[in-house]
N, C-alpha and C. Protein backbone atom coordinates (compact mmCIF):
# COMPACT_ATOMS: atom_id res chain seq x y z
N UNK A 1 125.08 107.66 51.36
CA UNK A 1 123.77 107.25 51.81
C UNK A 1 123.01 108.46 52.32
N UNK A 2 121.78 108.61 51.87
CA UNK A 2 120.96 109.74 52.26
C UNK A 2 120.22 109.41 53.55
N UNK A 3 120.24 110.36 54.46
CA UNK A 3 119.47 110.21 55.70
C UNK A 3 118.07 110.76 55.42
N UNK A 4 117.07 109.98 55.73
CA UNK A 4 115.71 110.46 55.54
C UNK A 4 115.00 110.49 56.88
N UNK A 5 114.11 111.43 57.02
CA UNK A 5 113.35 111.50 58.26
C UNK A 5 112.01 110.82 58.03
N UNK A 6 111.73 109.86 58.89
CA UNK A 6 110.45 109.17 58.83
C UNK A 6 109.42 109.99 59.60
N UNK A 7 108.16 109.77 59.26
CA UNK A 7 107.07 110.46 59.94
C UNK A 7 106.24 109.45 60.70
N UNK A 8 105.38 109.94 61.57
CA UNK A 8 104.45 109.08 62.28
C UNK A 8 103.27 108.79 61.35
N UNK A 9 103.04 107.51 61.09
CA UNK A 9 101.94 107.09 60.22
C UNK A 9 101.08 106.12 61.01
N UNK A 10 99.79 106.42 61.13
CA UNK A 10 98.87 105.54 61.84
C UNK A 10 98.40 104.44 60.88
N UNK A 11 98.98 103.27 61.04
CA UNK A 11 98.64 102.16 60.16
C UNK A 11 97.23 101.64 60.39
N UNK A 12 96.63 101.95 61.52
CA UNK A 12 95.23 101.59 61.72
C UNK A 12 94.31 102.43 60.84
N UNK A 13 94.68 103.69 60.60
CA UNK A 13 93.90 104.52 59.67
C UNK A 13 93.99 103.93 58.27
N UNK A 14 95.18 103.46 57.90
CA UNK A 14 95.35 102.82 56.59
C UNK A 14 94.52 101.54 56.52
N UNK A 15 94.54 100.76 57.60
CA UNK A 15 93.79 99.51 57.63
C UNK A 15 92.28 99.76 57.55
N UNK A 16 91.80 100.78 58.25
CA UNK A 16 90.38 101.13 58.18
C UNK A 16 90.00 101.48 56.74
N UNK A 17 90.87 102.21 56.08
CA UNK A 17 90.65 102.57 54.67
C UNK A 17 90.56 101.31 53.82
N UNK A 18 91.50 100.39 54.01
CA UNK A 18 91.51 99.16 53.22
C UNK A 18 90.27 98.30 53.51
N UNK A 19 89.92 98.17 54.78
CA UNK A 19 88.74 97.37 55.13
C UNK A 19 87.47 97.94 54.53
N UNK A 20 87.38 99.26 54.50
CA UNK A 20 86.20 99.90 53.91
C UNK A 20 86.18 99.70 52.40
N UNK A 21 87.32 99.84 51.76
CA UNK A 21 87.41 99.59 50.31
C UNK A 21 87.01 98.16 49.99
N UNK A 22 87.52 97.21 50.75
CA UNK A 22 87.19 95.80 50.55
C UNK A 22 85.68 95.58 50.69
N UNK A 23 85.12 96.05 51.80
CA UNK A 23 83.70 95.82 52.10
C UNK A 23 82.79 96.45 51.05
N UNK A 24 83.03 97.71 50.73
CA UNK A 24 82.16 98.39 49.76
C UNK A 24 82.27 97.78 48.38
N UNK A 25 83.45 97.36 47.98
CA UNK A 25 83.60 96.74 46.66
C UNK A 25 82.95 95.37 46.59
N UNK A 26 83.04 94.61 47.66
CA UNK A 26 82.36 93.31 47.67
C UNK A 26 80.84 93.51 47.60
N UNK A 27 80.34 94.48 48.36
CA UNK A 27 78.90 94.79 48.30
C UNK A 27 78.51 95.27 46.90
N UNK A 28 79.36 96.08 46.28
CA UNK A 28 79.08 96.55 44.92
C UNK A 28 78.96 95.37 43.96
N UNK A 29 79.83 94.39 44.11
CA UNK A 29 79.79 93.21 43.24
C UNK A 29 78.55 92.35 43.53
N UNK A 30 78.32 92.05 44.81
CA UNK A 30 77.18 91.20 45.17
C UNK A 30 75.86 91.78 44.67
N UNK A 31 75.68 93.07 44.85
CA UNK A 31 74.42 93.72 44.48
C UNK A 31 74.46 94.36 43.09
N UNK A 32 75.57 94.11 42.36
CA UNK A 32 75.75 94.64 41.01
C UNK A 32 75.48 96.15 40.98
N UNK A 33 76.25 96.87 41.80
CA UNK A 33 76.10 98.32 41.92
C UNK A 33 77.38 99.03 41.45
N UNK A 34 77.53 99.19 40.15
CA UNK A 34 78.71 99.92 39.66
C UNK A 34 78.84 101.30 40.28
N UNK A 35 77.71 101.92 40.64
CA UNK A 35 77.76 103.25 41.24
C UNK A 35 78.49 103.21 42.58
N UNK A 36 78.39 102.12 43.31
CA UNK A 36 79.10 101.99 44.58
C UNK A 36 80.60 101.86 44.34
N UNK A 37 80.98 101.11 43.32
CA UNK A 37 82.40 101.02 42.95
C UNK A 37 82.91 102.39 42.52
N UNK A 38 82.11 103.14 41.79
CA UNK A 38 82.50 104.49 41.38
C UNK A 38 82.64 105.41 42.60
N UNK A 39 81.76 105.24 43.58
CA UNK A 39 81.86 106.01 44.83
C UNK A 39 83.20 105.74 45.52
N UNK A 40 83.59 104.47 45.58
CA UNK A 40 84.87 104.11 46.19
C UNK A 40 86.01 104.79 45.42
N UNK A 41 85.93 104.78 44.11
CA UNK A 41 86.95 105.45 43.29
C UNK A 41 87.02 106.93 43.61
N UNK A 42 85.88 107.58 43.72
CA UNK A 42 85.85 109.02 44.01
C UNK A 42 86.47 109.30 45.38
N UNK A 43 86.11 108.51 46.38
CA UNK A 43 86.66 108.72 47.72
C UNK A 43 88.17 108.51 47.72
N UNK A 44 88.63 107.48 47.02
CA UNK A 44 90.07 107.25 46.93
C UNK A 44 90.76 108.41 46.20
N UNK A 45 90.13 108.93 45.18
CA UNK A 45 90.69 110.07 44.46
C UNK A 45 90.75 111.31 45.34
N UNK A 46 89.69 111.57 46.09
CA UNK A 46 89.69 112.72 47.02
C UNK A 46 90.77 112.54 48.09
N UNK A 47 90.89 111.34 48.60
CA UNK A 47 91.93 111.06 49.59
C UNK A 47 93.32 111.32 49.01
N UNK A 48 93.50 110.93 47.77
CA UNK A 48 94.79 111.16 47.11
C UNK A 48 95.07 112.65 46.98
N UNK A 49 94.06 113.42 46.60
CA UNK A 49 94.23 114.87 46.48
C UNK A 49 94.54 115.52 47.83
N UNK A 50 93.85 115.05 48.87
CA UNK A 50 94.02 115.63 50.20
C UNK A 50 95.19 115.03 50.97
N UNK A 51 95.82 114.00 50.39
CA UNK A 51 96.98 113.32 50.99
C UNK A 51 96.64 112.65 52.32
N UNK A 52 95.45 112.04 52.38
CA UNK A 52 95.00 111.27 53.55
C UNK A 52 94.29 110.02 53.04
N UNK A 53 94.15 109.00 53.90
CA UNK A 53 93.33 107.86 53.49
C UNK A 53 91.91 108.35 53.18
N UNK A 54 91.35 107.92 52.07
CA UNK A 54 90.04 108.41 51.65
C UNK A 54 88.94 108.23 52.68
N UNK A 55 88.94 107.09 53.35
CA UNK A 55 87.90 106.81 54.33
C UNK A 55 88.35 107.12 55.76
N UNK A 56 89.28 108.09 55.89
CA UNK A 56 89.78 108.50 57.20
C UNK A 56 88.67 108.90 58.17
N UNK A 57 87.61 109.59 57.74
CA UNK A 57 86.55 109.93 58.70
C UNK A 57 85.93 108.70 59.37
N UNK A 58 85.81 107.59 58.64
CA UNK A 58 85.27 106.37 59.25
C UNK A 58 86.17 105.88 60.37
N UNK A 59 87.47 105.98 60.15
CA UNK A 59 88.41 105.58 61.20
C UNK A 59 88.27 106.49 62.41
N UNK A 60 88.28 107.79 62.17
CA UNK A 60 88.24 108.76 63.27
C UNK A 60 86.94 108.73 64.05
N UNK A 61 85.81 108.53 63.36
CA UNK A 61 84.52 108.68 64.01
C UNK A 61 83.77 107.37 64.25
N UNK A 62 84.28 106.26 63.73
CA UNK A 62 83.61 104.97 63.94
C UNK A 62 84.59 103.93 64.48
N UNK A 63 85.57 103.55 63.67
CA UNK A 63 86.47 102.46 64.05
C UNK A 63 87.21 102.73 65.35
N UNK A 64 87.79 103.92 65.49
CA UNK A 64 88.59 104.24 66.68
C UNK A 64 87.71 104.46 67.91
N UNK A 65 86.66 105.28 67.84
CA UNK A 65 85.83 105.48 69.05
C UNK A 65 85.16 104.20 69.56
N UNK A 66 84.79 103.32 68.64
CA UNK A 66 84.14 102.07 69.06
C UNK A 66 85.15 101.01 69.49
N UNK A 67 86.44 101.30 69.37
CA UNK A 67 87.47 100.35 69.76
C UNK A 67 87.67 99.22 68.77
N UNK A 68 87.13 99.36 67.57
CA UNK A 68 87.30 98.34 66.54
C UNK A 68 88.76 98.27 66.11
N UNK A 69 89.38 99.45 65.97
CA UNK A 69 90.80 99.55 65.67
C UNK A 69 91.42 100.55 66.64
N UNK A 70 92.56 100.18 67.19
CA UNK A 70 93.31 101.07 68.07
C UNK A 70 94.46 101.67 67.26
N UNK A 71 94.87 102.90 67.58
CA UNK A 71 95.98 103.50 66.82
C UNK A 71 97.21 102.59 66.78
N UNK A 72 97.84 102.55 65.64
CA UNK A 72 99.06 101.78 65.41
C UNK A 72 100.04 102.71 64.69
N UNK A 73 100.58 103.65 65.46
CA UNK A 73 101.43 104.70 64.90
C UNK A 73 102.86 104.20 64.81
N UNK A 74 103.39 104.21 63.58
CA UNK A 74 104.74 103.70 63.32
C UNK A 74 105.55 104.74 62.56
N UNK A 75 106.87 104.66 62.70
CA UNK A 75 107.75 105.50 61.90
C UNK A 75 107.78 104.93 60.49
N UNK A 76 107.34 105.75 59.53
CA UNK A 76 107.19 105.27 58.16
C UNK A 76 107.19 106.47 57.22
N UNK A 77 107.13 106.18 55.94
CA UNK A 77 106.98 107.20 54.91
C UNK A 77 105.52 107.22 54.47
N UNK A 78 104.83 108.35 54.54
CA UNK A 78 103.45 108.38 54.07
C UNK A 78 103.33 108.37 52.55
N UNK A 79 104.35 108.83 51.85
CA UNK A 79 104.28 108.95 50.39
C UNK A 79 103.97 107.65 49.66
N UNK A 80 104.60 106.52 50.02
CA UNK A 80 104.25 105.28 49.32
C UNK A 80 102.79 104.87 49.52
N UNK A 81 102.25 105.15 50.70
CA UNK A 81 100.84 104.81 50.96
C UNK A 81 99.92 105.70 50.13
N UNK A 82 100.29 106.96 49.99
CA UNK A 82 99.51 107.87 49.14
C UNK A 82 99.56 107.42 47.68
N UNK A 83 100.75 107.01 47.25
CA UNK A 83 100.90 106.52 45.88
C UNK A 83 100.05 105.26 45.68
N UNK A 84 100.05 104.36 46.64
CA UNK A 84 99.26 103.13 46.54
C UNK A 84 97.78 103.46 46.42
N UNK A 85 97.31 104.44 47.21
CA UNK A 85 95.90 104.83 47.12
C UNK A 85 95.60 105.42 45.75
N UNK A 86 96.55 106.21 45.21
CA UNK A 86 96.36 106.80 43.89
C UNK A 86 96.27 105.70 42.82
N UNK A 87 97.13 104.69 42.92
CA UNK A 87 97.05 103.57 41.98
C UNK A 87 95.69 102.87 42.09
N UNK A 88 95.25 102.66 43.33
CA UNK A 88 93.93 102.06 43.55
C UNK A 88 92.83 102.90 42.92
N UNK A 89 92.95 104.22 43.07
CA UNK A 89 91.99 105.13 42.45
C UNK A 89 91.97 104.95 40.93
N UNK A 90 93.15 104.85 40.33
CA UNK A 90 93.22 104.68 38.87
C UNK A 90 92.54 103.37 38.44
N UNK A 91 92.84 102.29 39.16
CA UNK A 91 92.24 101.00 38.81
C UNK A 91 90.73 101.01 39.06
N UNK A 92 90.30 101.62 40.16
CA UNK A 92 88.87 101.70 40.45
C UNK A 92 88.15 102.57 39.42
N UNK A 93 88.79 103.64 39.00
CA UNK A 93 88.19 104.51 37.99
C UNK A 93 88.05 103.77 36.67
N UNK A 94 89.12 103.09 36.26
CA UNK A 94 89.07 102.30 35.02
C UNK A 94 88.00 101.21 35.13
N UNK A 95 87.94 100.55 36.28
CA UNK A 95 86.94 99.51 36.48
C UNK A 95 85.52 100.07 36.42
N UNK A 96 85.31 101.21 37.04
CA UNK A 96 83.99 101.83 37.04
C UNK A 96 83.58 102.24 35.63
N UNK A 97 84.50 102.83 34.90
CA UNK A 97 84.21 103.22 33.52
C UNK A 97 83.85 101.99 32.69
N UNK A 98 84.62 100.93 32.85
CA UNK A 98 84.33 99.68 32.12
C UNK A 98 82.94 99.16 32.48
N UNK A 99 82.59 99.21 33.76
CA UNK A 99 81.27 98.74 34.19
C UNK A 99 80.16 99.57 33.55
N UNK A 100 80.33 100.89 33.55
CA UNK A 100 79.30 101.75 32.97
C UNK A 100 79.22 101.62 31.45
N UNK A 101 80.29 101.15 30.83
CA UNK A 101 80.28 100.93 29.38
C UNK A 101 79.84 99.51 29.02
N UNK A 102 79.51 98.71 30.02
CA UNK A 102 79.02 97.36 29.76
C UNK A 102 80.09 96.28 29.67
N UNK A 103 81.33 96.62 29.95
CA UNK A 103 82.42 95.63 29.94
C UNK A 103 82.56 95.06 31.34
N UNK A 104 81.58 94.24 31.71
CA UNK A 104 81.48 93.75 33.09
C UNK A 104 82.68 92.93 33.54
N UNK A 105 83.17 92.06 32.70
CA UNK A 105 84.30 91.20 33.10
C UNK A 105 85.53 92.05 33.39
N UNK A 106 85.83 92.98 32.50
CA UNK A 106 86.96 93.87 32.73
C UNK A 106 86.73 94.74 33.97
N UNK A 107 85.56 95.32 34.07
CA UNK A 107 85.25 96.22 35.18
C UNK A 107 85.35 95.53 36.53
N UNK A 108 84.64 94.41 36.67
CA UNK A 108 84.68 93.71 37.96
C UNK A 108 86.05 93.11 38.21
N UNK A 109 86.75 92.73 37.14
CA UNK A 109 88.12 92.23 37.31
C UNK A 109 89.03 93.27 37.92
N UNK A 110 88.93 94.51 37.46
CA UNK A 110 89.74 95.59 38.03
C UNK A 110 89.33 95.90 39.48
N UNK A 111 88.03 95.87 39.74
CA UNK A 111 87.55 96.09 41.11
C UNK A 111 88.08 94.99 42.02
N UNK A 112 88.01 93.74 41.57
CA UNK A 112 88.49 92.62 42.39
C UNK A 112 90.01 92.66 42.56
N UNK A 113 90.73 93.20 41.60
CA UNK A 113 92.17 93.38 41.77
C UNK A 113 92.45 94.32 42.94
N UNK A 114 91.70 95.40 43.02
CA UNK A 114 91.84 96.34 44.14
C UNK A 114 91.46 95.65 45.45
N UNK A 115 90.40 94.87 45.45
CA UNK A 115 90.00 94.13 46.65
C UNK A 115 91.13 93.19 47.09
N UNK A 116 91.70 92.46 46.14
CA UNK A 116 92.76 91.50 46.48
C UNK A 116 93.98 92.21 47.06
N UNK A 117 94.39 93.32 46.45
CA UNK A 117 95.57 94.03 46.94
C UNK A 117 95.31 94.70 48.29
N UNK A 118 94.11 95.24 48.47
CA UNK A 118 93.76 95.83 49.77
C UNK A 118 93.72 94.75 50.85
N UNK A 119 93.26 93.56 50.50
CA UNK A 119 93.21 92.44 51.44
C UNK A 119 94.62 92.00 51.82
N UNK A 120 95.50 91.91 50.84
CA UNK A 120 96.89 91.56 51.11
C UNK A 120 97.52 92.57 52.08
N UNK A 121 97.22 93.84 51.89
CA UNK A 121 97.76 94.87 52.75
C UNK A 121 97.14 94.81 54.14
N UNK A 122 95.81 94.74 54.21
CA UNK A 122 95.10 94.77 55.49
C UNK A 122 95.42 93.56 56.37
N UNK A 123 95.54 92.39 55.76
CA UNK A 123 95.71 91.17 56.54
C UNK A 123 97.10 90.56 56.45
N UNK A 124 97.87 90.94 55.43
CA UNK A 124 99.20 90.38 55.26
C UNK A 124 100.33 91.36 55.54
N UNK A 125 99.99 92.65 55.68
CA UNK A 125 101.00 93.65 55.98
C UNK A 125 101.92 93.97 54.81
N UNK A 126 101.50 93.62 53.59
CA UNK A 126 102.32 93.93 52.41
C UNK A 126 101.54 94.83 51.47
N UNK A 127 102.10 95.99 51.19
CA UNK A 127 101.48 97.00 50.32
C UNK A 127 102.17 96.95 48.95
N UNK A 128 101.48 96.41 47.96
CA UNK A 128 102.05 96.29 46.62
C UNK A 128 102.31 97.67 46.03
N UNK A 129 101.38 98.61 46.21
CA UNK A 129 101.59 99.97 45.71
C UNK A 129 102.81 100.62 46.32
N UNK A 130 103.04 100.36 47.62
CA UNK A 130 104.23 100.89 48.29
C UNK A 130 105.50 100.27 47.69
N UNK A 131 105.45 98.97 47.44
CA UNK A 131 106.60 98.30 46.83
C UNK A 131 106.89 98.88 45.45
N UNK A 132 105.84 99.18 44.68
CA UNK A 132 106.03 99.79 43.36
C UNK A 132 106.66 101.17 43.52
N UNK A 133 106.19 101.94 44.50
CA UNK A 133 106.76 103.27 44.77
C UNK A 133 108.27 103.14 45.01
N UNK A 134 108.67 102.24 45.91
CA UNK A 134 110.09 102.08 46.22
C UNK A 134 110.87 101.57 45.02
N UNK A 135 110.26 100.70 44.23
CA UNK A 135 110.89 100.18 43.03
C UNK A 135 111.15 101.30 42.03
N UNK A 136 110.16 102.17 41.84
CA UNK A 136 110.34 103.31 40.94
C UNK A 136 111.44 104.24 41.45
N UNK A 137 111.55 104.37 42.76
CA UNK A 137 112.61 105.17 43.36
C UNK A 137 113.99 104.61 43.05
N UNK A 138 114.10 103.31 42.99
CA UNK A 138 115.40 102.69 42.66
C UNK A 138 115.86 103.04 41.26
N UNK A 139 114.91 103.37 40.39
CA UNK A 139 115.23 103.76 39.02
C UNK A 139 115.34 105.28 38.88
N UNK A 140 115.38 105.97 40.02
CA UNK A 140 115.54 107.43 40.05
C UNK A 140 114.46 108.17 39.26
N UNK A 141 113.25 107.65 39.30
CA UNK A 141 112.12 108.33 38.67
C UNK A 141 111.81 109.56 39.53
N UNK A 142 111.71 110.74 38.94
CA UNK A 142 111.43 111.95 39.72
C UNK A 142 110.15 111.80 40.55
N UNK A 143 110.21 112.27 41.79
CA UNK A 143 109.06 112.21 42.69
C UNK A 143 109.05 111.00 43.60
N UNK A 144 109.84 110.00 43.28
CA UNK A 144 109.89 108.78 44.08
C UNK A 144 111.21 108.77 44.85
N UNK A 145 111.27 109.58 45.88
CA UNK A 145 112.54 109.87 46.55
C UNK A 145 112.76 109.10 47.85
N UNK A 146 111.72 108.54 48.41
CA UNK A 146 111.85 107.88 49.71
C UNK A 146 112.36 106.45 49.54
N UNK A 147 113.04 105.98 50.59
CA UNK A 147 113.48 104.59 50.65
C UNK A 147 112.79 103.93 51.83
N UNK A 148 112.67 102.61 51.82
CA UNK A 148 111.99 101.94 52.93
C UNK A 148 112.70 102.21 54.26
N UNK A 149 111.96 102.18 55.36
CA UNK A 149 112.62 102.29 56.66
C UNK A 149 113.70 101.22 56.79
N UNK A 150 114.76 101.54 57.52
CA UNK A 150 115.90 100.63 57.67
C UNK A 150 115.45 99.24 58.12
N UNK A 151 115.97 98.22 57.43
CA UNK A 151 115.70 96.85 57.81
C UNK A 151 114.34 96.31 57.38
N UNK A 152 113.59 97.09 56.61
CA UNK A 152 112.25 96.68 56.19
C UNK A 152 112.25 96.38 54.69
N UNK A 153 111.72 95.22 54.31
CA UNK A 153 111.58 94.87 52.91
C UNK A 153 110.60 95.85 52.26
N UNK A 154 110.91 96.37 51.08
CA UNK A 154 110.03 97.35 50.45
C UNK A 154 108.59 96.85 50.31
N UNK A 155 107.67 97.62 50.89
CA UNK A 155 106.25 97.27 50.85
C UNK A 155 105.73 96.64 52.12
N UNK A 156 106.64 96.13 52.96
CA UNK A 156 106.21 95.50 54.22
C UNK A 156 105.92 96.58 55.27
N UNK A 157 105.02 96.26 56.15
CA UNK A 157 104.68 97.15 57.25
C UNK A 157 105.88 97.24 58.19
N UNK A 158 106.28 98.46 58.59
CA UNK A 158 107.41 98.59 59.52
C UNK A 158 107.08 97.96 60.87
N UNK A 159 108.12 97.59 61.58
CA UNK A 159 107.97 97.04 62.93
C UNK A 159 107.84 98.19 63.92
N UNK A 160 107.15 97.94 65.01
CA UNK A 160 107.01 98.95 66.05
C UNK A 160 108.35 99.15 66.73
N UNK A 161 108.65 100.40 67.07
CA UNK A 161 109.91 100.71 67.77
C UNK A 161 109.82 100.22 69.19
N UNK A 162 110.98 99.77 69.71
CA UNK A 162 111.00 99.28 71.08
C UNK A 162 111.07 100.41 72.07
């Protein structure tokens, strides 16, 4: 059995990211603004490159200072969350391209898939992208080296330490 070191991950920063993705994508759909969906894709892509939640500045400078979200720092692996954001970026990019090419059903369907999965994570504590990361690790796919924290179902939010 491999011993892995967990890192401190602020799940409120992740939640702020998810809430922003949900809100902006719903607004993009309501007002039929594919450019807003593309903006979300770009921010998620930049976050993936920088290895941080894409909308982290909103958490740091709005959500946290206003007391909307308080830090929720847990021992966790950041890699599955980064992978989940990257998957979201891929789906948002594909959805945006479909929208700009006139394939509205496909485009909005992909955007709504991201909304649904972000909602499941933000309000249900289950990260599908994280579960996929851990699943790929079970098949020894290179780069997917982390295992879930002890006693945690793959993809579920870890419990706070006592």
